[in-house]
Amino acid sequence: MVYLMMSALRRVNAEGEEFMRCPEKRCRITRDRGELRNSDAVIFSSRGLWNTFLPVYTMPTWRHPHQVWIISEMEAPPETILDWSKYNGLFNWTLHYRKDADLVGSYGRFERLDTVGNQSAKNQSSEKNARNFFAEKTGMVAWMSSNCVDDARRQRVVHELARYIQVDTYGGCGDNKATGCSDHQCSKHLDKYRFFLSLENANCRDYFTEKLYHAYDRDQIPITNNDAHSSGVAPNGSCIQISDFSSLEHLAKHLKKLASNATAYNSYLSWRKTHRVLTYAAPMCELCKRLHDGSKPAQVYADLYGWLANDSCQPWSICNYVRRLTEGMALYFRLIN
């Protein structure tokens, strides 16, 4: 039996449930710090490390030589408030959304139906293929966000696009603030839209969150500011990348064409014939397998900050935060006035 300790803010299910569907099931996960000395791996949330001034998140003072320490973070570097350089020479593995992490986690993923043994999943996909998605949608473009001063300046994109096409905005940054829910919880409001602005708060390598996968789950065409096709995250022809257009005006013209052509619109949903979307993908099966087979060589990250900073976006710092906040608030008030 392999024991894991979750030293993080994130809660986990009852012990053992995470591994029920894994090929290698001989693992158990716990948040009981009393099990630390019995654990083969310890997972630390970077957000938990940021709160090290609180006694509940103090770092262990002792570890087994064979114990694997893993640092976990699913937010983009500009949103990660932690000096990673303080932990050089301490962690063995990274659990991150980036593809070059030791354990790759994601907010979702696509699964080919020919690899799914579940006949029910295939039947559900066949039913969706027979539907006319175009006929079920009446709205044009929707966006939902509560982070109004993000690194990617999404509000500027939304404001500019709204000059050429109808864009309904929800959440703390939008006009329809009374909904008070996330994009996944707000399906009753968002389901009707043909297009959803799946705009990430930072333009970082491999960074795609629930905003993308929930749009797919709602049978919409996502509009992305990170290149989902180019990165291989999404099936070709299933979303619209802003970078493929010379301007937002040209993007709006393309959206209007799709909104007036059922065949063209439904073609973006043809991925349903070959794939299904999962709205969360944890790497726990891979973690359990590696702990048992011992194939992962012993290693320590001597320059953890260097690994994180090897990206298309900048890590969090006081200077970057103040700059982003100042510029973002100026833009926010300029757009709402």
Protein backbone atom coordinates (compact mmCIF):
# COMPACT_ATOMS: atom_id res chain seq x y z
CA MET A 1 0.00 0.00 0.00
CA VAL A 2 1.30 3.45 -0.93
CA TYR A 3 0.33 6.34 1.30
CA LEU A 4 0.04 9.92 0.10
CA MET A 5 -0.32 13.03 2.16
CA MET A 6 -2.08 16.05 0.73
CA SER A 7 -0.57 19.10 2.43
CA ALA A 8 -2.77 21.52 0.55
CA LEU A 9 -5.90 23.61 0.68
CA ARG A 10 -7.72 21.40 -1.81
CA ARG A 11 -9.97 18.76 -0.24
CA VAL A 12 -9.96 15.18 -1.50
CA ASN A 13 -12.53 12.41 -1.63
CA ALA A 14 -12.74 9.49 0.77
CA GLU A 15 -9.53 7.51 0.91
CA GLY A 16 -9.09 5.14 -2.00
CA GLU A 17 -11.74 6.62 -4.29
CA GLU A 18 -9.20 8.43 -6.48
CA PHE A 19 -7.69 5.12 -7.60
CA MET A 20 -10.76 2.90 -8.09
CA ARG A 21 -10.62 3.21 -11.89
CA CYS A 22 -6.83 3.17 -12.15
CA PRO A 23 -4.91 0.16 -13.52
CA GLU A 24 -2.75 0.40 -10.39
CA LYS A 25 -5.09 0.74 -7.39
CA ARG A 26 -2.72 0.12 -4.49
CA CYS A 27 -2.64 3.71 -3.28
CA ARG A 28 -4.40 5.71 -0.63
CA ILE A 29 -4.53 9.47 -0.21
CA THR A 30 -4.87 11.24 3.12
CA ARG A 31 -4.63 14.71 4.64
CA ASP A 32 -3.71 13.33 8.06
CA ARG A 33 -0.28 14.78 8.93
CA GLY A 34 0.15 11.93 11.38
CA GLU A 35 0.66 9.68 8.35
CA LEU A 36 3.61 11.73 7.09
CA ARG A 37 6.27 9.22 8.17
CA ASN A 38 4.32 6.40 6.49
CA SER A 39 3.91 8.23 3.19
CA ASP A 40 5.78 7.35 0.00
CA ALA A 41 4.89 10.70 -1.56
CA VAL A 42 3.89 14.10 -0.24
CA ILE A 43 2.03 16.62 -2.41
CA PHE A 44 2.38 20.30 -1.53
CA SER A 45 0.11 22.97 -2.99
CA SER A 46 2.07 26.11 -3.79
CA ARG A 47 -0.81 28.06 -2.25
CA GLY A 48 -0.34 26.12 0.96
CA LEU A 49 3.36 26.98 0.92
CA TRP A 50 2.52 30.65 0.46
CA ASN A 51 0.63 30.44 3.77
CA THR A 52 3.59 29.07 5.71
CA PHE A 53 3.11 31.72 8.40
CA LEU A 54 0.06 29.74 9.53
CA PRO A 55 0.93 26.76 11.78
CA VAL A 56 -1.32 24.35 9.85
CA TYR A 57 0.86 24.79 6.74
CA THR A 58 4.32 24.57 8.27
CA MET A 59 6.83 22.52 6.30
CA PRO A 60 7.72 19.08 7.69
CA THR A 61 11.07 19.05 9.47
CA TRP A 62 11.82 15.42 8.65
CA ARG A 63 11.43 13.09 5.65
CA HIS A 64 12.29 9.54 4.64
CA PRO A 65 15.15 9.35 2.09
CA HIS A 66 12.90 7.42 -0.32
CA GLN A 67 9.98 9.86 0.03
CA VAL A 68 8.98 11.76 -3.13
CA TRP A 69 8.04 15.40 -2.57
CA ILE A 70 5.81 16.94 -5.22
CA ILE A 71 4.91 20.60 -5.71
CA SER A 72 1.47 21.14 -7.23
CA GLU A 73 0.07 24.22 -8.96
CA MET A 74 -2.70 24.59 -11.55
CA GLU A 75 -2.82 28.38 -11.78
CA ALA A 76 -0.79 30.41 -14.28
CA PRO A 77 2.55 31.84 -13.06
CA PRO A 78 1.27 35.47 -12.93
CA GLU A 79 -1.39 34.26 -10.46
CA THR A 80 0.94 32.12 -8.32
CA ILE A 81 2.04 34.11 -5.27
CA LEU A 82 5.12 32.17 -4.20
CA ASP A 83 8.88 32.62 -4.39
CA TRP A 84 9.69 29.24 -5.92
CA SER A 85 13.43 29.86 -5.60
CA LYS A 86 13.11 29.35 -1.82
CA TYR A 87 12.44 25.66 -2.49
CA ASN A 88 15.33 24.84 -4.79
CA GLY A 89 16.82 21.42 -4.01
CA LEU A 90 13.70 20.32 -2.11
CA PHE A 91 11.18 18.91 -4.58
CA ASN A 92 11.53 15.82 -6.76
CA TRP A 93 8.50 16.12 -9.06
CA THR A 94 6.20 18.82 -10.41
CA LEU A 95 2.43 18.42 -10.76
CA HIS A 96 1.39 21.11 -13.19
CA TYR A 97 -0.74 21.80 -16.26
CA ARG A 98 2.36 22.20 -18.43
CA LYS A 99 3.21 19.27 -20.67
CA ASP A 100 6.82 19.19 -19.47
CA ALA A 101 5.78 18.59 -15.85
CA ASP A 102 6.55 15.24 -14.22
CA LEU A 103 2.83 14.73 -13.59
CA VAL A 104 0.50 16.57 -15.96
CA GLY A 105 -2.82 17.68 -14.53
CA SER A 106 -5.48 19.53 -16.48
CA TYR A 107 -8.88 21.11 -16.15
CA GLY A 108 -10.15 18.73 -18.80
CA ARG A 109 -9.18 16.59 -21.75
CA PHE A 110 -10.52 14.90 -24.85
CA GLU A 111 -10.82 11.14 -25.08
CA ARG A 112 -11.17 9.24 -28.34
CA LEU A 113 -14.31 7.11 -28.40
CA ASP A 114 -12.50 4.15 -29.97
CA THR A 115 -10.47 3.89 -26.74
CA VAL A 116 -13.51 4.09 -24.44
CA GLY A 117 -14.87 0.74 -23.35
CA ASN A 118 -18.04 2.34 -21.94
CA GLN A 119 -20.84 1.69 -24.44
CA SER A 120 -23.06 4.22 -22.68
CA ALA A 121 -20.57 7.01 -23.48
CA LYS A 122 -20.56 5.99 -27.15
CA ASN A 123 -24.36 5.91 -27.25
CA GLN A 124 -24.59 9.37 -25.71
CA SER A 125 -22.14 10.68 -28.29
CA SER A 126 -24.20 9.15 -31.13
CA GLU A 127 -27.30 10.89 -29.83
CA LYS A 128 -25.46 14.23 -29.79
CA ASN A 129 -24.19 13.67 -33.33
CA ALA A 130 -27.80 13.38 -34.54
CA ARG A 131 -28.75 16.73 -33.03
CA ASN A 132 -28.85 20.05 -34.81
CA PHE A 133 -26.77 22.13 -32.40
CA PHE A 134 -27.32 25.26 -34.47
CA ALA A 135 -31.10 25.06 -34.00
CA GLU A 136 -30.75 24.74 -30.23
CA LYS A 137 -28.82 28.01 -29.83
CA THR A 138 -30.39 31.46 -30.01
CA GLY A 139 -27.75 33.78 -28.49
CA MET A 140 -24.58 34.97 -30.16
CA VAL A 141 -21.51 35.45 -27.93
CA ALA A 142 -21.18 35.20 -24.13
CA TRP A 143 -18.34 35.89 -21.71
CA MET A 144 -18.11 35.34 -17.96
CA SER A 145 -15.37 36.49 -15.62
CA SER A 146 -14.82 37.94 -12.17
CA ASN A 147 -11.12 38.74 -12.59
CA CYS A 148 -11.23 42.20 -14.14
CA VAL A 149 -7.51 43.10 -14.01
CA ASP A 150 -5.96 39.94 -15.38
CA ASP A 151 -2.61 39.64 -17.10
CA ALA A 152 -4.12 38.95 -20.54
CA ARG A 153 -6.29 42.07 -20.56
CA ARG A 154 -9.39 40.13 -21.58
CA GLN A 155 -11.70 43.10 -21.07
CA ARG A 156 -9.98 44.94 -23.89
CA VAL A 157 -10.73 42.01 -26.22
CA VAL A 158 -14.35 41.77 -25.10
CA HIS A 159 -14.93 45.52 -25.37
CA GLU A 160 -13.41 45.71 -28.87
CA LEU A 161 -15.30 42.65 -30.14
CA ALA A 162 -18.59 44.08 -28.81
CA ARG A 163 -18.19 46.97 -31.25
CA TYR A 164 -18.90 44.57 -34.14
CA ILE A 165 -21.14 41.85 -32.69
CA GLN A 166 -23.50 41.27 -29.76
CA VAL A 167 -21.55 40.10 -26.68
CA ASP A 168 -23.42 39.37 -23.44
CA THR A 169 -21.20 39.53 -20.36
CA TYR A 170 -21.72 37.80 -17.01
CA GLY A 171 -19.94 37.67 -13.66
CA GLY A 172 -18.22 40.40 -11.70
CA CYS A 173 -16.76 41.96 -14.87
CA GLY A 174 -20.00 41.79 -16.83
CA ASP A 175 -23.33 43.54 -17.19
CA ASN A 176 -25.38 40.58 -15.91
CA LYS A 177 -23.84 40.40 -12.42
CA ALA A 178 -26.97 39.14 -10.67
CA THR A 179 -26.34 35.56 -11.80
CA GLY A 180 -23.58 35.12 -9.18
CA CYS A 181 -22.27 31.79 -10.45
CA SER A 182 -19.36 30.24 -12.33
CA ASP A 183 -19.57 29.46 -16.04
CA HIS A 184 -20.21 25.76 -15.27
CA GLN A 185 -22.94 26.49 -12.69
CA CYS A 186 -24.60 29.03 -14.97
CA SER A 187 -25.56 26.63 -17.75
CA LYS A 188 -29.16 27.86 -17.69
CA HIS A 189 -27.86 31.31 -18.69
CA LEU A 190 -25.03 30.27 -20.98
CA ASP A 191 -26.40 27.20 -22.80
CA LYS A 192 -28.30 29.30 -25.32
CA TYR A 193 -25.19 30.97 -26.80
CA ARG A 194 -23.56 29.71 -29.97
CA PHE A 195 -20.12 31.04 -29.02
CA PHE A 196 -18.36 31.38 -25.68
CA LEU A 197 -15.30 33.55 -25.07
CA SER A 198 -13.00 31.04 -23.34
CA LEU A 199 -10.43 33.71 -22.55
CA GLU A 200 -7.69 32.75 -20.09
CA ASN A 201 -6.35 35.29 -17.58
CA ALA A 202 -2.78 34.76 -18.82
CA ASN A 203 -1.17 33.79 -22.11
CA CYS A 204 1.02 31.01 -20.75
CA ARG A 205 2.27 27.82 -22.37
CA ASP A 206 -0.25 24.94 -22.21
CA TYR A 207 -2.58 26.98 -19.96
CA PHE A 208 -6.21 26.02 -20.63
CA THR A 209 -8.76 26.03 -17.83
CA GLU A 210 -12.36 25.00 -17.26
CA LYS A 211 -13.47 27.96 -19.40
CA LEU A 212 -12.50 25.96 -22.49
CA TYR A 213 -13.77 22.54 -21.46
CA HIS A 214 -17.09 23.73 -20.03
CA ALA A 215 -17.84 25.48 -23.34
CA TYR A 216 -17.27 22.19 -25.14
CA ASP A 217 -19.45 20.44 -22.57
CA ARG A 218 -22.24 22.93 -23.33
CA ASP A 219 -21.95 22.13 -27.08
CA GLN A 220 -20.70 25.60 -27.94
CA ILE A 221 -17.86 26.84 -30.10
CA PRO A 222 -15.16 28.26 -27.81
CA ILE A 223 -13.25 31.38 -28.84
CA THR A 224 -9.75 31.18 -27.34
CA ASN A 225 -6.95 33.67 -26.71
CA ASN A 226 -4.49 30.78 -26.23
CA ASP A 227 -3.93 28.53 -29.23
CA ALA A 228 -5.89 25.37 -28.38
CA HIS A 229 -5.48 23.86 -31.86
CA SER A 230 -1.81 24.66 -32.23
CA SER A 231 -1.00 23.20 -28.80
CA GLY A 232 -2.84 19.98 -29.53
CA VAL A 233 -5.20 20.47 -26.59
CA ALA A 234 -8.38 20.52 -28.70
CA PRO A 235 -9.41 18.59 -31.85
CA ASN A 236 -8.74 20.49 -35.07
CA GLY A 237 -11.68 22.56 -36.27
CA SER A 238 -13.45 22.51 -32.90
CA CYS A 239 -12.74 26.04 -31.67
CA ILE A 240 -11.89 29.49 -32.96
CA GLN A 241 -8.47 31.00 -32.20
CA ILE A 242 -8.31 34.79 -32.03
CA SER A 243 -4.74 34.68 -33.31
CA ASP A 244 -5.97 33.28 -36.63
CA PHE A 245 -7.61 36.61 -37.49
CA SER A 246 -5.95 39.88 -38.44
CA SER A 247 -8.37 41.85 -36.28
CA LEU A 248 -11.37 41.42 -34.00
CA GLU A 249 -13.52 42.96 -36.71
CA HIS A 250 -12.57 40.09 -39.03
CA LEU A 251 -13.30 37.63 -36.21
CA ALA A 252 -16.76 39.16 -35.77
CA LYS A 253 -17.48 38.79 -39.51
CA HIS A 254 -16.53 35.12 -39.30
CA LEU A 255 -18.83 34.59 -36.31
CA LYS A 256 -21.73 36.22 -38.15
CA LYS A 257 -21.20 33.90 -41.12
CA LEU A 258 -21.30 30.86 -38.87
CA ALA A 259 -24.39 32.19 -37.09
CA SER A 260 -26.24 32.28 -40.41
CA ASN A 261 -25.14 28.88 -41.72
CA ALA A 262 -26.28 25.78 -39.82
CA THR A 263 -24.01 23.42 -41.78
CA ALA A 264 -20.91 25.52 -41.17
CA TYR A 265 -21.76 25.97 -37.49
CA ASN A 266 -22.46 22.28 -36.87
CA SER A 267 -19.18 21.33 -38.55
CA TYR A 268 -17.37 22.75 -35.51
CA LEU A 269 -19.23 20.18 -33.38
CA SER A 270 -18.25 17.23 -35.58
CA TRP A 271 -15.56 16.31 -33.01
CA ARG A 272 -18.41 14.65 -31.13
CA LYS A 273 -18.25 11.80 -33.66
CA THR A 274 -14.77 10.78 -32.55
CA HIS A 275 -14.24 12.24 -29.07
CA ARG A 276 -15.87 12.99 -25.78
CA VAL A 277 -14.82 15.76 -23.39
CA LEU A 278 -13.98 15.25 -19.72
CA THR A 279 -14.17 18.37 -17.57
CA TYR A 280 -11.44 17.31 -15.13
CA ALA A 281 -8.37 15.14 -15.52
CA ALA A 282 -6.26 14.41 -12.43
CA PRO A 283 -2.94 12.59 -12.82
CA MET A 284 -3.47 10.35 -9.79
CA CYS A 285 -3.43 7.11 -11.80
CA GLU A 286 -0.06 8.01 -13.28
CA LEU A 287 1.25 9.00 -9.85
CA CYS A 288 0.23 5.69 -8.28
CA LYS A 289 1.74 3.74 -11.18
CA ARG A 290 5.08 5.54 -10.95
CA LEU A 291 5.34 5.06 -7.21
CA HIS A 292 4.94 1.32 -7.66
CA ASP A 293 7.04 0.62 -10.75
CA GLY A 294 9.97 2.85 -9.76
CA SER A 295 10.66 3.81 -13.40
CA LYS A 296 11.05 7.50 -12.60
CA PRO A 297 14.74 8.20 -11.86
CA ALA A 298 15.76 9.95 -8.65
CA GLN A 299 15.93 13.70 -9.20
CA VAL A 300 15.77 17.04 -7.41
CA TYR A 301 14.86 20.41 -8.91
CA ALA A 302 17.94 22.55 -8.24
CA ASP A 303 16.36 25.58 -9.99
CA LEU A 304 12.62 25.34 -9.43
CA TYR A 305 12.07 29.01 -10.27
CA GLY A 306 13.98 28.56 -13.52
CA TRP A 307 11.67 25.72 -14.52
CA LEU A 308 8.58 27.82 -13.80
CA ALA A 309 9.98 30.92 -15.54
CA ASN A 310 10.70 29.00 -18.77
CA ASP A 311 7.38 30.15 -20.16
CA SER A 312 5.73 32.69 -22.44
CA CYS A 313 4.46 34.64 -19.40
CA GLN A 314 6.21 36.09 -16.36
CA PRO A 315 6.00 34.58 -12.86
CA TRP A 316 4.36 36.54 -10.07
CA SER A 317 6.35 39.29 -8.39
CA ILE A 318 5.49 42.42 -6.41
CA CYS A 319 6.57 44.64 -9.31
CA ASN A 320 4.58 42.67 -11.88
CA TYR A 321 1.54 42.59 -9.60
CA VAL A 322 1.55 46.36 -8.98
CA ARG A 323 2.06 47.06 -12.69
CA ARG A 324 -0.76 44.70 -13.68
CA LEU A 325 -3.11 46.06 -11.02
CA THR A 326 -2.45 49.68 -11.95
CA GLU A 327 -2.79 49.15 -15.69
CA GLY A 328 -5.75 46.83 -15.28
CA MET A 329 -7.74 49.16 -13.03
CA ALA A 330 -7.07 52.09 -15.37
CA LEU A 331 -8.33 50.01 -18.30
CA TYR A 332 -11.33 48.74 -16.32
CA PHE A 333 -12.56 52.21 -15.35
CA ARG A 334 -11.91 53.52 -18.85
CA LEU A 335 -14.06 50.78 -20.37
CA ILE A 336 -16.98 51.07 -17.95
CA ASN A 337 -17.22 54.87 -18.23
